[in-house]
């Protein structure tokens, strides 16, 4: 997403350098840096479902997620919390490590 302030920062590299050194990341001029989202794909690469937090209030900058026992857990490297979302159609006994690599011997 482009904004006038973002375009201005692209034209002035010295300003970008000062900005990255002096301001915390959530105050940079780049749009949508604090939004978070997760997309579920089918085996052919089609989007099945998408969830997002465009306000950045609940879980900004999602960098990781894992489904486990009927829940989707989301986190981010700059977050101070882990989100948990109940998946209505998920199998509550499904655990991803065993499903991906088989049961431990």
Protein backbone atom coordinates (compact mmCIF):
# COMPACT_ATOMS: atom_id res chain seq x y z
CA UNK A 1 0.00 0.00 0.00
CA UNK A 2 1.41 3.37 -1.00
CA UNK A 3 0.92 6.63 0.85
CA UNK A 4 2.30 10.15 0.22
CA UNK A 5 4.61 9.86 3.25
CA UNK A 6 5.89 6.48 2.03
CA UNK A 7 6.60 7.90 -1.44
CA UNK A 8 8.41 10.86 0.14
CA UNK A 9 10.63 8.52 2.17
CA UNK A 10 11.54 6.61 -1.01
CA UNK A 11 12.85 9.83 -2.59
CA UNK A 12 15.02 10.74 0.44
CA UNK A 13 17.37 7.95 1.54
CA UNK A 14 19.02 10.08 4.26
CA UNK A 15 15.64 10.60 5.90
CA UNK A 16 14.99 6.83 5.81
CA UNK A 17 18.33 6.15 7.50
CA UNK A 18 17.62 8.68 10.26
CA UNK A 19 14.12 7.29 10.70
CA UNK A 20 15.34 3.69 11.13
CA UNK A 21 17.99 4.74 13.67
CA UNK A 22 15.90 7.07 15.80
CA UNK A 23 12.34 5.73 15.77
CA UNK A 24 10.89 2.42 16.98
CA UNK A 25 9.66 0.23 14.13
CA UNK A 26 6.00 0.80 14.88
CA UNK A 27 6.49 4.53 14.24
CA UNK A 28 8.10 4.19 10.82
CA UNK A 29 6.30 5.65 7.83
CA UNK A 30 5.75 2.34 6.12
CA UNK A 31 2.06 1.52 5.75
CA UNK A 32 0.49 -1.61 7.22
CA UNK A 33 3.58 -2.60 9.18
CA UNK A 34 1.43 -3.38 12.20
CA UNK A 35 -1.22 -5.45 10.49
CA UNK A 36 -1.35 -9.18 11.03
CA UNK A 37 -2.88 -11.99 9.04
CA UNK A 38 -2.99 -15.69 8.33
CA UNK A 39 -4.04 -17.34 5.06
CA UNK A 40 -5.09 -20.99 4.68
CA UNK A 41 -4.39 -22.63 1.31
CA UNK A 42 -5.63 -25.88 -0.17
CA UNK A 43 -3.31 -28.45 -1.78
CA UNK A 44 -3.61 -26.66 -5.17
CA UNK A 45 -2.60 -23.27 -3.76
CA UNK A 46 -6.09 -21.77 -3.70
CA UNK A 47 -7.08 -19.59 -0.76
CA UNK A 48 -9.55 -21.37 1.52
CA UNK A 49 -9.78 -18.82 4.33
CA UNK A 50 -8.07 -15.59 5.40
CA UNK A 51 -8.08 -13.85 8.77
CA UNK A 52 -6.54 -10.52 9.59
CA UNK A 53 -6.20 -7.73 12.09
CA UNK A 54 -5.94 -4.57 10.02
CA UNK A 55 -5.94 -2.37 13.13
CA UNK A 56 -2.77 -3.97 14.50
CA UNK A 57 -4.39 -4.02 17.93
CA UNK A 58 -4.61 -7.73 18.71
CA UNK A 59 -1.70 -9.40 16.91
CA UNK A 60 0.45 -7.08 14.81
CA UNK A 61 3.13 -8.40 12.47
CA UNK A 62 2.30 -12.12 12.61
CA UNK A 63 5.49 -14.01 11.75
CA UNK A 64 4.56 -17.52 12.83
CA UNK A 65 1.59 -19.75 13.40
CA UNK A 66 0.83 -23.37 14.16
CA UNK A 67 -2.32 -25.44 14.33
CA UNK A 68 -2.50 -27.74 17.35
CA UNK A 69 -5.41 -29.70 18.85
CA UNK A 70 -8.17 -27.60 17.29
CA UNK A 71 -6.56 -24.21 17.82
CA UNK A 72 -4.45 -21.88 15.71
CA UNK A 73 -1.64 -20.25 17.68
CA UNK A 74 -0.15 -17.05 16.23
CA UNK A 75 2.89 -15.05 17.27
CA UNK A 76 5.30 -12.43 16.04
CA UNK A 77 8.90 -11.51 16.76
CA UNK A 78 7.89 -8.07 18.06
CA UNK A 79 4.79 -9.23 19.97
CA UNK A 80 4.68 -9.75 23.72
CA UNK A 81 1.93 -12.37 23.50
CA UNK A 82 0.72 -15.47 21.65
CA UNK A 83 -2.77 -15.52 20.16
CA UNK A 84 -5.05 -18.54 20.25
CA UNK A 85 -7.99 -18.95 17.88
CA UNK A 86 -10.41 -21.92 18.03
CA UNK A 87 -10.88 -23.48 14.60
CA UNK A 88 -14.49 -24.63 14.39
CA UNK A 89 -13.93 -27.43 11.87
CA UNK A 90 -10.57 -28.67 13.20
CA UNK A 91 -9.90 -32.11 14.67
CA UNK A 92 -9.21 -31.56 18.41
CA UNK A 93 -6.84 -34.55 18.50
CA UNK A 94 -4.67 -33.40 15.57
CA UNK A 95 -1.09 -32.53 16.47
CA UNK A 96 1.10 -31.19 13.74
CA UNK A 97 4.44 -32.92 14.55
CA UNK A 98 2.90 -36.40 14.51
CA UNK A 99 0.85 -35.56 11.41
CA UNK A 100 3.86 -34.25 9.50
CA UNK A 101 6.58 -36.70 10.55
CA UNK A 102 4.71 -39.63 12.05
CA UNK A 103 4.61 -40.84 15.63
CA UNK A 104 7.86 -41.04 17.59
CA UNK A 105 9.33 -44.55 17.72
